[in-house]
Protein backbone atom coordinates (compact mmCIF):
# COMPACT_ATOMS: atom_id res chain seq x y z
CA UNK A 1 -23.04 2.48 -0.40
CA UNK A 2 -19.61 3.87 -1.26
CA UNK A 3 -18.36 0.56 0.27
CA UNK A 4 -19.26 -1.11 -2.88
CA UNK A 5 -15.71 -0.74 -4.30
CA UNK A 6 -14.20 -2.56 -1.21
CA UNK A 7 -15.71 -5.72 0.41
CA UNK A 8 -14.65 -8.08 3.11
CA UNK A 9 -12.87 -10.59 0.95
CA UNK A 10 -10.75 -7.67 -0.42
CA UNK A 11 -9.83 -6.49 3.07
CA UNK A 12 -8.94 -10.05 4.05
CA UNK A 13 -6.86 -10.63 1.01
CA UNK A 14 -5.03 -7.33 1.69
CA UNK A 15 -4.46 -8.15 5.44
CA UNK A 16 -2.91 -11.47 4.36
CA UNK A 17 -0.65 -9.74 1.86
CA UNK A 18 0.78 -7.31 4.45
CA UNK A 19 0.93 -9.65 7.25
CA UNK A 20 4.70 -10.46 7.06
CA UNK A 21 5.44 -6.88 7.67
CA UNK A 22 2.80 -5.79 10.15
CA UNK A 23 1.80 -6.79 13.49
CA UNK A 24 -1.73 -7.92 14.79
CA UNK A 25 -1.78 -5.15 17.43
CA UNK A 26 -3.18 -6.10 20.85
CA UNK A 27 -6.35 -4.91 22.24
CA UNK A 28 -7.07 -4.03 26.19
CA UNK A 29 -10.11 -3.42 28.22
CA UNK A 30 -9.24 -0.44 30.48
CA UNK A 31 -10.84 -1.02 34.06
CA UNK A 32 -10.48 0.75 37.46
CA UNK A 33 -11.26 3.62 39.44
CA UNK A 34 -9.53 6.10 37.12
CA UNK A 35 -11.64 4.90 34.17
CA UNK A 36 -14.81 5.21 36.28
CA UNK A 37 -14.23 8.65 37.12
CA UNK A 38 -13.18 9.77 33.61
CA UNK A 39 -16.01 8.22 31.40
CA UNK A 40 -18.30 6.61 34.03
CA UNK A 41 -18.58 3.42 35.82
CA UNK A 42 -21.06 1.62 33.38
CA UNK A 43 -18.89 2.49 30.36
CA UNK A 44 -16.83 -0.16 29.06
CA UNK A 45 -13.58 0.84 27.49
CA UNK A 46 -11.55 -1.23 25.01
CA UNK A 47 -8.33 0.12 23.45
CA UNK A 48 -7.01 -1.02 20.11
CA UNK A 49 -3.16 -0.57 20.74
CA UNK A 50 -2.08 0.46 17.27
CA UNK A 51 0.74 2.54 18.57
CA UNK A 52 2.61 -0.86 18.93
CA UNK A 53 2.36 -1.35 15.23
CA UNK A 54 5.35 -1.30 13.22
CA UNK A 55 6.80 2.29 12.51
CA UNK A 56 4.83 3.46 15.78
CA UNK A 57 1.41 3.93 14.09
CA UNK A 58 -1.24 2.44 11.85
CA UNK A 59 0.20 4.12 8.81
CA UNK A 60 2.25 1.08 7.87
CA UNK A 61 -0.83 -0.86 6.76
CA UNK A 62 -1.88 1.63 4.06
CA UNK A 63 1.84 2.31 2.92
CA UNK A 64 2.24 -1.52 2.28
CA UNK A 65 -1.00 -1.91 0.64
CA UNK A 66 -0.15 0.94 -1.73
CA UNK A 67 3.34 -0.42 -2.60
CA UNK A 68 2.28 -3.87 -3.12
CA UNK A 69 -0.11 -2.82 -5.68
CA UNK A 70 2.60 -1.36 -7.72
CA UNK A 71 3.96 -3.18 -10.83
CA UNK A 72 7.73 -3.93 -11.16
CA UNK A 73 8.24 -0.85 -13.55
CA UNK A 74 6.56 1.36 -10.86
CA UNK A 75 8.71 0.05 -8.05
CA UNK A 76 11.87 0.36 -9.99
CA UNK A 77 11.05 3.90 -10.48
CA UNK A 78 10.56 4.52 -6.86
CA UNK A 79 7.89 6.27 -4.65
CA UNK A 80 7.28 9.57 -2.91
CA UNK A 81 5.04 10.81 -0.34
CA UNK A 82 4.10 13.84 1.77
CA UNK A 83 3.67 13.70 5.59
CA UNK A 84 4.01 15.42 8.88
CA UNK A 85 5.88 12.30 9.99
CA UNK A 86 3.95 9.15 10.45
CA UNK A 87 3.04 8.43 7.01
CA UNK A 88 6.61 9.33 5.93
CA UNK A 89 7.95 6.66 8.43
CA UNK A 90 5.67 4.28 7.25
CA UNK A 91 6.59 4.91 3.52
CA UNK A 92 10.25 4.60 4.44
CA UNK A 93 9.75 1.25 6.28
CA UNK A 94 7.35 -0.32 3.40
CA UNK A 95 10.05 0.83 0.83
CA UNK A 96 12.89 -0.68 2.86
CA UNK A 97 10.91 -3.90 3.24
CA UNK A 98 9.95 -4.36 -0.48
CA UNK A 99 13.46 -3.00 -1.91
CA UNK A 100 11.84 0.10 -3.26
CA UNK A 101 13.55 3.67 -3.27
CA UNK A 102 11.70 6.22 -1.43
CA UNK A 103 11.93 9.98 -1.35
CA UNK A 104 9.59 11.53 1.21
CA UNK A 105 8.76 15.30 1.62
CA UNK A 106 8.15 16.75 5.11
CA UNK A 107 7.74 20.24 6.30
CA UNK A 108 10.57 21.82 8.42
CA UNK A 109 8.47 22.00 11.51
CA UNK A 110 8.09 18.30 11.74
CA UNK A 111 9.02 16.64 14.70
CA UNK A 112 12.75 15.70 14.47
CA UNK A 113 12.26 12.28 15.98
CA UNK A 114 10.13 11.55 13.03
CA UNK A 115 12.69 12.94 10.31
CA UNK A 116 15.20 11.02 12.16
CA UNK A 117 13.29 7.69 11.91
CA UNK A 118 12.61 8.28 8.05
CA UNK A 119 16.55 8.74 7.59
CA UNK A 120 17.15 5.52 9.74
CA UNK A 121 14.91 3.52 7.35
CA UNK A 122 16.98 4.58 4.30
CA UNK A 123 14.63 7.26 2.74
CA UNK A 124 15.65 10.45 1.15
CA UNK A 125 14.34 13.50 3.06
CA UNK A 126 13.06 16.51 1.40
CA UNK A 127 12.22 19.54 3.75
CA UNK A 128 9.60 21.99 2.70
CA UNK A 129 8.71 25.28 4.38
CA UNK A 130 5.14 24.18 5.02
CA UNK A 131 2.65 21.50 4.43
CA UNK A 132 1.32 23.13 1.30
CA UNK A 133 4.60 23.54 -0.21
CA UNK A 134 5.42 19.78 0.73
CA UNK A 135 2.29 18.59 -1.49
CA UNK A 136 3.43 20.93 -4.21
CA UNK A 137 7.04 19.43 -4.00
CA UNK A 138 5.55 16.01 -3.98
CA UNK A 139 3.72 16.53 -7.27
CA UNK A 140 6.87 17.94 -8.78
CA UNK A 141 8.77 14.92 -7.84
CA UNK A 142 6.16 12.56 -9.16
CA UNK A 143 6.24 14.37 -12.55
CA UNK A 144 9.96 14.85 -13.13
CA UNK A 145 11.11 11.74 -11.46
CA UNK A 146 8.25 9.25 -12.47
CA UNK A 147 7.81 8.12 -8.85
CA UNK A 148 4.43 6.71 -7.58
CA UNK A 149 2.76 8.80 -5.09
CA UNK A 150 1.83 6.85 -1.83
CA UNK A 151 -1.10 8.90 -0.45
CA UNK A 152 -1.36 9.54 3.35
CA UNK A 153 -5.14 9.33 3.50
CA UNK A 154 -7.03 8.95 0.41
CA UNK A 155 -7.54 6.21 -2.30
CA UNK A 156 -8.66 2.70 -2.52
CA UNK A 157 -5.25 1.13 -1.39
CA UNK A 158 -4.86 3.56 1.61
CA UNK A 159 -8.26 2.81 2.74
CA UNK A 160 -7.95 -0.86 2.37
CA UNK A 161 -5.03 -0.79 4.67
CA UNK A 162 -6.91 0.99 7.39
CA UNK A 163 -9.84 -1.21 6.75
CA UNK A 164 -7.60 -4.09 7.99
CA UNK A 165 -7.39 -2.38 11.25
CA UNK A 166 -11.09 -2.13 11.58
CA UNK A 167 -11.81 -5.60 10.61
CA UNK A 168 -9.20 -6.93 12.99
CA UNK A 169 -10.45 -4.71 15.91
CA UNK A 170 -14.09 -5.74 15.31
CA UNK A 171 -13.14 -9.44 15.36
CA UNK A 172 -10.84 -9.22 18.38
CA UNK A 173 -13.40 -7.38 20.38
CA UNK A 174 -15.76 -10.18 19.66
CA UNK A 175 -13.34 -12.95 20.50
CA UNK A 176 -12.56 -11.28 23.95
CA UNK A 177 -16.37 -11.27 24.66
CA UNK A 178 -16.59 -7.39 24.30
CA UNK A 179 -18.38 -6.78 21.02
CA UNK A 180 -18.37 -3.15 20.39
CA UNK A 181 -21.36 -0.85 20.64
CA UNK A 182 -19.33 2.17 19.29
CA UNK A 183 -15.82 2.89 18.21
CA UNK A 184 -13.90 6.36 18.43
CA UNK A 185 -11.41 7.08 15.84
CA UNK A 186 -9.10 10.28 15.41
CA UNK A 187 -9.57 12.13 12.28
CA UNK A 188 -6.98 13.88 10.07
CA UNK A 189 -7.31 13.42 6.49
CA UNK A 190 -9.87 10.85 7.10
CA UNK A 191 -8.40 7.73 5.87
CA UNK A 192 -8.02 6.02 9.15
CA UNK A 193 -11.85 6.53 9.91
CA UNK A 194 -12.76 5.65 6.46
CA UNK A 195 -11.01 2.45 6.71
CA UNK A 196 -12.14 1.40 10.13
CA UNK A 197 -15.69 2.31 9.53
CA UNK A 198 -15.56 0.24 6.40
CA UNK A 199 -14.02 -2.72 8.25
CA UNK A 200 -16.79 -2.72 10.98
CA UNK A 201 -19.40 -2.39 8.37
CA UNK A 202 -18.04 -5.09 6.30
CA UNK A 203 -18.07 -7.67 9.26
CA UNK A 204 -21.69 -6.82 9.93
CA UNK A 205 -20.78 -4.82 13.19
CA UNK A 206 -23.50 -2.66 14.51
CA UNK A 207 -21.09 -0.50 16.31
CA UNK A 208 -21.61 3.14 15.65
CA UNK A 209 -18.40 4.90 14.43
CA UNK A 210 -17.51 8.33 15.78
CA UNK A 211 -14.65 10.71 14.76
CA UNK A 212 -12.67 13.06 16.70
CA UNK A 213 -10.65 16.13 15.43
CA UNK A 214 -8.63 18.72 17.38
CA UNK A 215 -10.29 22.31 17.41
CA UNK A 216 -7.39 23.54 15.64
CA UNK A 217 -7.88 21.30 12.65
CA UNK A 218 -11.53 20.44 12.37
CA UNK A 219 -11.60 20.15 8.50
CA UNK A 220 -13.77 16.99 8.40
CA UNK A 221 -16.45 18.67 10.49
CA UNK A 222 -16.58 21.64 8.00
CA UNK A 223 -16.32 19.24 5.02
CA UNK A 224 -19.53 17.23 6.18
CA UNK A 225 -21.41 20.54 7.00
CA UNK A 226 -20.57 22.01 3.60
CA UNK A 227 -21.36 18.48 1.84
CA UNK A 228 -18.05 18.43 -0.05
CA UNK A 229 -14.35 17.77 0.89
CA UNK A 230 -12.61 21.17 1.72
CA UNK A 231 -9.64 21.98 -0.42
CA UNK A 232 -8.00 24.06 2.25
CA UNK A 233 -8.03 23.57 5.93
CA UNK A 234 -6.32 25.92 8.53
CA UNK A 235 -4.23 24.12 10.91
CA UNK A 236 -3.24 25.13 14.43
CA UNK A 237 -2.83 22.10 16.74
CA UNK A 238 -0.29 20.20 18.77
CA UNK A 239 -1.81 17.09 17.09
CA UNK A 240 0.36 17.56 13.96
CA UNK A 241 -0.51 14.10 12.65
CA UNK A 242 -4.00 15.16 12.39
CA UNK A 243 -3.45 18.41 10.82
CA UNK A 244 -4.56 17.52 7.21
CA UNK A 245 -4.39 20.78 5.18
CA UNK A 246 -7.32 19.28 2.74
CA UNK A 247 -9.84 16.59 2.30
CA UNK A 248 -10.46 14.28 -0.65
CA UNK A 249 -13.22 12.69 -2.28
CA UNK A 250 -12.80 8.90 -1.62
CA UNK A 251 -12.30 9.11 2.05
CA UNK A 252 -14.69 11.90 2.51
CA UNK A 253 -17.48 9.72 0.85
CA UNK A 254 -17.09 6.94 3.26
CA UNK A 255 -16.90 9.09 6.34
CA UNK A 256 -20.09 10.78 5.16
CA UNK A 257 -21.75 7.34 4.54
CA UNK A 258 -20.38 5.45 7.63
CA UNK A 259 -19.46 7.54 10.45
CA UNK A 260 -22.33 8.65 12.91
CA UNK A 261 -20.56 12.04 13.85
CA UNK A 262 -17.36 13.99 14.33
CA UNK A 263 -16.74 15.86 17.47
CA UNK A 264 -13.95 18.18 18.49
CA UNK A 265 -11.50 18.33 21.47
CA UNK A 266 -9.03 21.21 22.31
CA UNK A 267 -5.29 20.70 22.71
CA UNK A 268 -5.81 21.21 26.52
CA UNK A 269 -7.92 18.07 26.44
CA UNK A 270 -5.31 16.23 24.34
CA UNK A 271 -2.54 17.14 26.83
CA UNK A 272 -4.70 16.23 29.89
CA UNK A 273 -5.63 12.85 28.40
CA UNK A 274 -2.03 12.06 27.67
CA UNK A 275 -1.12 12.64 31.25
CA UNK A 276 -4.04 10.14 32.26
CA UNK A 277 -3.00 7.60 29.69
CA UNK A 278 0.62 7.78 30.86
CA UNK A 279 -0.22 7.69 34.48
CA UNK A 280 -2.90 5.13 34.53
CA UNK A 281 -2.00 2.83 31.57
CA UNK A 282 1.83 3.59 31.38
CA UNK A 283 1.56 4.41 27.43
CA UNK A 284 3.54 7.18 26.09
CA UNK A 285 1.47 8.50 23.08
CA UNK A 286 1.41 11.39 20.85
CA UNK A 287 -1.19 13.92 21.04
CA UNK A 288 -3.31 12.35 18.20
CA UNK A 289 -3.49 9.10 20.00
CA UNK A 290 -5.06 10.66 23.02
CA UNK A 291 -7.96 12.00 21.00
CA UNK A 292 -10.34 9.09 21.19
CA UNK A 293 -10.28 8.99 24.90
CA UNK A 294 -10.58 12.80 25.17
CA UNK A 295 -13.68 12.43 23.07
CA UNK A 296 -15.19 9.83 25.28
CA UNK A 297 -14.31 11.75 28.43
CA UNK A 298 -15.92 14.89 26.78
CA UNK A 299 -18.22 15.46 24.09
CA UNK A 300 -19.39 11.77 23.70
CA UNK A 301 -19.58 10.95 27.35
CA UNK A 302 -23.27 11.10 27.79
CA UNK A 303 -23.98 9.87 24.38
CA UNK A 304 -22.06 6.63 24.96
CA UNK A 305 -22.75 6.08 28.62
CA UNK A 306 -23.12 2.40 29.60
CA UNK A 307 -21.91 1.27 26.30
CA UNK A 308 -18.87 -0.79 25.30
CA UNK A 309 -16.70 1.51 23.46
CA UNK A 310 -13.51 0.93 21.24
CA UNK A 311 -10.75 3.57 21.07
CA UNK A 312 -8.19 3.44 18.41
CA UNK A 313 -4.99 4.53 20.00
CA UNK A 314 -3.28 5.42 16.82
CA UNK A 315 0.43 6.30 17.42
CA UNK A 316 3.41 7.02 19.58
CA UNK A 317 5.82 8.94 17.25
CA UNK A 318 6.98 11.65 19.60
CA UNK A 319 10.38 12.50 21.11
CA UNK A 320 10.79 12.47 24.82
CA UNK A 321 11.20 16.04 25.12
CA UNK A 322 8.10 17.16 23.53
CA UNK A 323 6.20 14.37 25.26
CA UNK A 324 7.62 15.58 28.69
CA UNK A 325 6.63 19.08 27.97
CA UNK A 326 3.01 18.15 27.30
CA UNK A 327 2.71 16.14 30.44
CA UNK A 328 4.37 19.02 32.55
CA UNK A 329 1.93 21.70 31.15
CA UNK A 330 -1.06 19.33 31.95
CA UNK A 331 0.20 18.37 35.46
CA UNK A 332 0.72 22.11 36.16
CA UNK A 333 -2.67 22.77 35.14
CA UNK A 334 -4.08 20.02 37.31
CA UNK A 335 -2.17 21.36 40.28
CA UNK A 336 -3.44 24.90 39.62
CA UNK A 337 -7.13 23.69 39.56
CA UNK A 338 -6.70 21.39 42.84
């Protein structure tokens, strides 16, 4: 198994190491008529509320694991990262917490709220014209300034961080008396689902792991179909934090070995589900964080009917205007269909 490089003891040690700077985010079973109508009355839904994590997303876990692995010379040289926003915020946060200088590269279309969060945390921001140029600029900074690159979704340290989420979720669900039959995880670069799947596997859970991508960034589906990680992915989706421009070997191999399937949902599905989550759970989430419920209500509803299903609600880094626009569009669509 590809998980041979990462065992439960490693994950637990990492969890203890990052504990001073991250939260043990809560889980919540969603019940009620709205849930029954959306996914079926016999299906139980347990949410992992990682949107309440420090920095507003799960990314803080991997950023801290990476930075704690650096020696004192590397920390003194500083770090760099490329991101549409959530990872950049997490790297800025981890750098501030550990006293490391951070220079993060974001594309100019990144959500202004996310750029502002990075600046507030003390990181230097470099803006690129697009995500491909952002990756190239990060490589230049690494080579010319000697900074360590904190990768957004690949590598042992990053996946160790997301594996702490998987172990935490699996154990919480068991303690609550709702051990999971399945878990659904949003997929961008693959680092989150690779870690969650590894964590569930290492605690001995029998839950099947399912991924969900937006139709406009279905790169992992294509990578799995071709049997190798794609070096270029076309991205056109409102879920910008799921818009990875490529996939890489380490996380891809874990997904290939441990994940049951990857399904896709549309941007319309994401907006409609954001509206449901806000109205029925009073949670304001970014489009990516609506993906797991959108998948359960759509392509996975029949396959997981009657099961206890965990959903990773991965983040909430969105400005109020964009959030309101998405909900308004979904509401108009619902009214037109009524």
